[in-house]
């Protein structure tokens, strides 16, 4: 595919997305992700395989233990997976902006 046709395809996608009723679509997706159904497990397993989700980082790591698709997406992680950096020296500072004295 040439660069020109790829750019036109991107523009077409943007136009189609802009034509969608965003708020209504958001409400529908919100409700769909919270439905508790038997189709949740195959869908979650497909998502894990398709996007390479490392379930060893999750609590719980068994995909069947999530009640809904939303529970899977908002799953807690094990504490050691992404520890928080506790560096409060710069808390509340904006190093890209000058302080009251004009220094950065």
N, C-alpha and C. Protein backbone atom coordinates (compact mmCIF):
# COMPACT_ATOMS: atom_id res chain seq x y z
N UNK A 1 0.85 -1.17 0.00
CA UNK A 1 0.00 0.00 0.00
C UNK A 1 0.90 1.24 0.00
N UNK A 2 0.61 2.17 -0.87
CA UNK A 2 1.42 3.38 -0.95
C UNK A 2 1.12 4.31 0.22
N UNK A 3 2.02 5.26 0.42
CA UNK A 3 1.86 6.21 1.53
C UNK A 3 0.61 7.07 1.34
N UNK A 4 0.32 7.42 0.09
CA UNK A 4 -0.86 8.25 -0.21
C UNK A 4 -2.14 7.49 0.11
N UNK A 5 -2.22 6.23 -0.32
CA UNK A 5 -3.44 5.46 -0.06
C UNK A 5 -3.58 5.15 1.43
N UNK A 6 -2.47 4.97 2.14
CA UNK A 6 -2.53 4.76 3.59
C UNK A 6 -3.04 6.01 4.29
N UNK A 7 -2.60 7.16 3.84
CA UNK A 7 -3.06 8.43 4.43
C UNK A 7 -4.55 8.63 4.16
N UNK A 8 -4.99 8.28 2.97
CA UNK A 8 -6.41 8.43 2.65
C UNK A 8 -7.25 7.46 3.48
N UNK A 9 -6.73 6.25 3.69
CA UNK A 9 -7.43 5.27 4.50
C UNK A 9 -7.54 5.77 5.95
N UNK A 10 -6.48 6.38 6.46
CA UNK A 10 -6.52 6.95 7.80
C UNK A 10 -7.56 8.07 7.89
N UNK A 11 -7.62 8.91 6.89
CA UNK A 11 -8.61 9.99 6.88
C UNK A 11 -10.03 9.44 6.86
N UNK A 12 -10.23 8.38 6.06
CA UNK A 12 -11.55 7.76 5.99
C UNK A 12 -11.94 7.18 7.34
N UNK A 13 -11.01 6.52 8.00
CA UNK A 13 -11.28 5.99 9.34
C UNK A 13 -11.66 7.10 10.31
N UNK A 14 -10.93 8.21 10.26
CA UNK A 14 -11.22 9.34 11.14
C UNK A 14 -12.62 9.90 10.88
N UNK A 15 -12.99 10.00 9.61
CA UNK A 15 -14.32 10.50 9.27
C UNK A 15 -15.41 9.56 9.77
N UNK A 16 -15.17 8.25 9.63
CA UNK A 16 -16.16 7.28 10.12
C UNK A 16 -16.28 7.35 11.64
N UNK A 17 -15.16 7.47 12.32
CA UNK A 17 -15.21 7.58 13.78
C UNK A 17 -15.88 8.86 14.23
N UNK A 18 -15.64 9.95 13.51
CA UNK A 18 -16.26 11.23 13.86
C UNK A 18 -17.77 11.18 13.66
N UNK A 19 -18.23 10.35 12.74
CA UNK A 19 -19.66 10.26 12.46
C UNK A 19 -20.41 9.44 13.52
N UNK A 20 -19.68 8.67 14.31
CA UNK A 20 -20.33 7.84 15.33
C UNK A 20 -20.83 8.70 16.50
N UNK A 21 -21.92 8.33 17.08
CA UNK A 21 -22.41 9.04 18.28
C UNK A 21 -21.55 8.64 19.49
N UNK A 22 -20.54 9.43 19.80
CA UNK A 22 -19.54 9.07 20.79
C UNK A 22 -20.12 8.78 22.17
N UNK A 23 -21.01 9.62 22.67
CA UNK A 23 -21.55 9.42 24.02
C UNK A 23 -22.42 8.16 24.09
N UNK A 24 -23.22 7.94 23.09
CA UNK A 24 -24.07 6.74 23.07
C UNK A 24 -23.21 5.49 22.96
N UNK A 25 -22.20 5.53 22.11
CA UNK A 25 -21.31 4.39 21.96
C UNK A 25 -20.56 4.11 23.27
N UNK A 26 -20.14 5.15 23.93
CA UNK A 26 -19.45 4.99 25.21
C UNK A 26 -20.36 4.34 26.25
N UNK A 27 -21.61 4.75 26.30
CA UNK A 27 -22.56 4.15 27.24
C UNK A 27 -22.82 2.68 26.92
N UNK A 28 -22.91 2.35 25.64
CA UNK A 28 -23.12 0.96 25.24
C UNK A 28 -21.92 0.10 25.65
N UNK A 29 -20.72 0.56 25.36
CA UNK A 29 -19.51 -0.19 25.71
C UNK A 29 -19.40 -0.33 27.22
N UNK A 30 -19.74 0.72 27.96
CA UNK A 30 -19.73 0.67 29.43
C UNK A 30 -20.60 -0.48 29.92
N UNK A 31 -21.80 -0.57 29.38
CA UNK A 31 -22.71 -1.64 29.81
C UNK A 31 -22.27 -3.02 29.35
N UNK A 32 -21.77 -3.11 28.12
CA UNK A 32 -21.33 -4.40 27.59
C UNK A 32 -20.17 -4.98 28.40
N UNK A 33 -19.25 -4.13 28.84
CA UNK A 33 -18.09 -4.64 29.56
C UNK A 33 -18.44 -5.09 30.97
N UNK A 34 -19.62 -4.76 31.44
CA UNK A 34 -20.02 -5.15 32.80
C UNK A 34 -21.02 -6.30 32.83
N UNK A 35 -21.39 -6.81 31.68
CA UNK A 35 -22.30 -7.95 31.61
C UNK A 35 -21.58 -9.20 32.09
N UNK A 36 -22.26 -9.96 32.92
CA UNK A 36 -21.72 -11.23 33.40
C UNK A 36 -22.35 -12.34 32.57
N UNK A 37 -21.54 -12.91 31.67
CA UNK A 37 -22.04 -13.89 30.73
C UNK A 37 -21.02 -15.01 30.53
N UNK A 38 -21.48 -16.09 29.98
CA UNK A 38 -20.58 -17.23 29.74
C UNK A 38 -19.59 -16.92 28.63
N UNK A 39 -19.85 -15.90 27.82
CA UNK A 39 -18.95 -15.53 26.73
C UNK A 39 -17.75 -14.73 27.21
N UNK A 40 -17.78 -14.33 28.47
CA UNK A 40 -16.68 -13.53 29.01
C UNK A 40 -15.38 -14.31 29.01
N UNK A 41 -15.40 -15.57 29.47
CA UNK A 41 -14.16 -16.35 29.58
C UNK A 41 -13.47 -16.55 28.23
N UNK A 42 -14.18 -16.99 27.17
CA UNK A 42 -13.49 -17.12 25.88
C UNK A 42 -12.97 -15.78 25.35
N UNK A 43 -13.73 -14.72 25.58
CA UNK A 43 -13.30 -13.40 25.12
C UNK A 43 -12.04 -12.94 25.86
N UNK A 44 -12.00 -13.15 27.17
CA UNK A 44 -10.82 -12.78 27.96
C UNK A 44 -9.62 -13.61 27.53
N UNK A 45 -9.81 -14.90 27.34
CA UNK A 45 -8.70 -15.77 26.91
C UNK A 45 -8.19 -15.34 25.53
N UNK A 46 -9.10 -14.99 24.63
CA UNK A 46 -8.69 -14.50 23.32
C UNK A 46 -7.87 -13.22 23.46
N UNK A 47 -8.34 -12.30 24.29
CA UNK A 47 -7.65 -11.02 24.49
C UNK A 47 -6.25 -11.24 25.06
N UNK A 48 -6.13 -12.15 26.02
CA UNK A 48 -4.83 -12.45 26.63
C UNK A 48 -3.86 -12.96 25.57
N UNK A 49 -4.34 -13.87 24.72
CA UNK A 49 -3.48 -14.41 23.67
C UNK A 49 -3.16 -13.39 22.58
N UNK A 50 -4.15 -12.62 22.17
CA UNK A 50 -3.96 -11.66 21.08
C UNK A 50 -3.04 -10.52 21.45
N UNK A 51 -3.08 -10.10 22.71
CA UNK A 51 -2.30 -8.93 23.12
C UNK A 51 -1.16 -9.28 24.08
N UNK A 52 -0.92 -10.56 24.30
CA UNK A 52 0.22 -10.98 25.12
C UNK A 52 0.17 -10.51 26.56
N UNK A 53 -0.99 -10.59 27.17
CA UNK A 53 -1.14 -10.16 28.57
C UNK A 53 -0.46 -11.18 29.48
N UNK A 54 0.42 -10.70 30.36
CA UNK A 54 1.13 -11.56 31.29
C UNK A 54 0.28 -11.70 32.56
N UNK A 55 -0.47 -12.79 32.64
CA UNK A 55 -1.37 -12.98 33.78
C UNK A 55 -0.63 -13.34 35.06
N UNK A 56 0.66 -13.65 35.00
CA UNK A 56 1.41 -13.92 36.22
C UNK A 56 1.59 -12.64 37.06
N UNK A 57 1.35 -11.48 36.44
CA UNK A 57 1.44 -10.21 37.16
C UNK A 57 0.14 -9.84 37.87
N UNK A 58 -0.93 -10.53 37.56
CA UNK A 58 -2.26 -10.15 38.04
C UNK A 58 -2.64 -10.88 39.32
N UNK A 59 -3.53 -10.23 40.07
CA UNK A 59 -4.17 -10.84 41.25
C UNK A 59 -5.67 -10.83 41.00
N UNK A 60 -6.31 -11.89 40.80
CA UNK A 60 -5.85 -13.26 40.64
C UNK A 60 -5.33 -13.49 39.23
N UNK A 61 -4.50 -14.52 39.07
CA UNK A 61 -3.91 -14.79 37.76
C UNK A 61 -4.79 -15.71 36.89
N UNK A 62 -5.85 -16.27 37.47
CA UNK A 62 -6.76 -17.13 36.72
C UNK A 62 -7.84 -16.27 36.05
N UNK A 63 -7.87 -16.22 34.71
CA UNK A 63 -8.84 -15.38 34.01
C UNK A 63 -10.29 -15.71 34.33
N UNK A 64 -10.59 -16.94 34.69
CA UNK A 64 -11.97 -17.33 34.98
C UNK A 64 -12.49 -16.72 36.27
N UNK A 65 -11.61 -16.18 37.10
CA UNK A 65 -12.03 -15.62 38.38
C UNK A 65 -12.57 -14.20 38.27
N UNK A 66 -12.49 -13.61 37.10
CA UNK A 66 -13.02 -12.25 36.91
C UNK A 66 -14.49 -12.34 36.53
N UNK A 67 -15.31 -11.56 37.20
CA UNK A 67 -16.76 -11.66 37.00
C UNK A 67 -17.21 -11.05 35.68
N UNK A 68 -16.49 -10.06 35.17
CA UNK A 68 -16.88 -9.40 33.93
C UNK A 68 -15.63 -8.99 33.16
N UNK A 69 -15.83 -8.57 31.93
CA UNK A 69 -14.71 -8.10 31.12
C UNK A 69 -14.09 -6.87 31.75
N UNK A 70 -14.89 -6.01 32.35
CA UNK A 70 -14.37 -4.82 33.02
C UNK A 70 -13.51 -5.20 34.22
N UNK A 71 -13.90 -6.21 34.97
CA UNK A 71 -13.08 -6.66 36.10
C UNK A 71 -11.71 -7.13 35.61
N UNK A 72 -11.68 -7.77 34.45
CA UNK A 72 -10.40 -8.19 33.88
C UNK A 72 -9.55 -6.97 33.52
N UNK A 73 -10.16 -5.97 32.91
CA UNK A 73 -9.40 -4.78 32.49
C UNK A 73 -8.92 -3.95 33.67
N UNK A 74 -9.63 -3.98 34.77
CA UNK A 74 -9.25 -3.18 35.93
C UNK A 74 -8.66 -4.06 37.03
N UNK A 75 -8.05 -5.17 36.65
CA UNK A 75 -7.51 -6.13 37.61
C UNK A 75 -6.36 -5.52 38.41
N UNK A 76 -6.27 -5.88 39.67
CA UNK A 76 -5.12 -5.43 40.46
C UNK A 76 -3.88 -6.23 40.09
N UNK A 77 -2.74 -5.60 40.25
CA UNK A 77 -1.47 -6.26 39.98
C UNK A 77 -0.79 -6.60 41.29
N UNK A 78 0.10 -7.58 41.23
CA UNK A 78 0.89 -7.93 42.41
C UNK A 78 1.76 -6.73 42.78
N UNK A 79 1.95 -6.48 44.07
CA UNK A 79 2.69 -5.29 44.49
C UNK A 79 4.11 -5.20 43.92
N UNK A 80 4.77 -6.33 43.75
CA UNK A 80 6.15 -6.29 43.28
C UNK A 80 6.28 -6.05 41.77
N UNK A 81 5.16 -6.07 41.05
CA UNK A 81 5.21 -5.91 39.60
C UNK A 81 5.56 -4.48 39.22
N UNK A 82 4.89 -3.52 39.81
CA UNK A 82 5.14 -2.11 39.51
C UNK A 82 5.21 -1.33 40.82
N UNK A 83 6.33 -1.41 41.51
CA UNK A 83 6.43 -0.69 42.78
C UNK A 83 6.40 0.82 42.55
N UNK A 84 5.79 1.51 43.49
CA UNK A 84 5.72 2.97 43.41
C UNK A 84 7.05 3.55 43.86
N UNK A 85 7.53 4.53 43.12
CA UNK A 85 8.74 5.23 43.53
C UNK A 85 8.34 6.27 44.56
N UNK A 86 8.91 6.16 45.75
CA UNK A 86 8.56 7.09 46.82
C UNK A 86 9.66 8.14 46.90
N UNK A 87 9.55 9.15 46.07
CA UNK A 87 10.49 10.27 46.05
C UNK A 87 9.66 11.53 46.20
N UNK A 88 9.53 11.99 47.39
CA UNK A 88 8.67 13.14 47.66
C UNK A 88 9.40 14.47 47.55
N UNK A 89 10.68 14.45 47.22
CA UNK A 89 11.44 15.69 47.13
C UNK A 89 10.89 16.60 46.03
N UNK A 90 10.36 16.01 44.97
CA UNK A 90 9.87 16.81 43.85
C UNK A 90 8.35 16.86 43.80
N UNK A 91 7.69 16.36 44.81
CA UNK A 91 6.23 16.33 44.80
C UNK A 91 5.68 17.75 44.76
N UNK A 92 4.81 17.99 43.83
CA UNK A 92 4.17 19.30 43.71
C UNK A 92 4.99 20.30 42.91
N UNK A 93 6.21 19.96 42.55
CA UNK A 93 7.04 20.87 41.75
C UNK A 93 6.82 20.62 40.28
N UNK A 94 7.01 21.65 39.53
CA UNK A 94 6.93 21.53 38.07
C UNK A 94 8.26 22.00 37.50
N UNK A 95 9.20 21.06 37.30
CA UNK A 95 10.54 21.46 36.89
C UNK A 95 10.61 22.15 35.54
N UNK A 96 9.59 22.02 34.71
CA UNK A 96 9.60 22.67 33.42
C UNK A 96 9.16 24.13 33.51
N UNK A 97 8.66 24.55 34.69
CA UNK A 97 8.23 25.93 34.90
C UNK A 97 9.16 26.62 35.89
N UNK A 98 9.41 27.91 35.72
CA UNK A 98 10.24 28.61 36.69
C UNK A 98 9.52 28.76 38.03
N UNK A 99 10.27 28.77 39.13
CA UNK A 99 9.66 28.98 40.44
C UNK A 99 9.50 30.47 40.69
N UNK A 100 9.16 30.86 41.91
CA UNK A 100 8.88 32.28 42.21
C UNK A 100 10.10 33.18 42.01
N UNK A 101 11.29 32.60 42.13
CA UNK A 101 12.50 33.42 41.96
C UNK A 101 12.93 33.49 40.51
N UNK A 102 12.26 32.76 39.63
CA UNK A 102 12.61 32.77 38.22
C UNK A 102 13.54 31.64 37.84
N UNK A 103 13.99 30.84 38.83
CA UNK A 103 14.87 29.71 38.56
C UNK A 103 14.05 28.49 38.16
N UNK A 104 14.66 27.61 37.48
CA UNK A 104 14.01 26.34 37.11
C UNK A 104 14.40 25.26 38.04
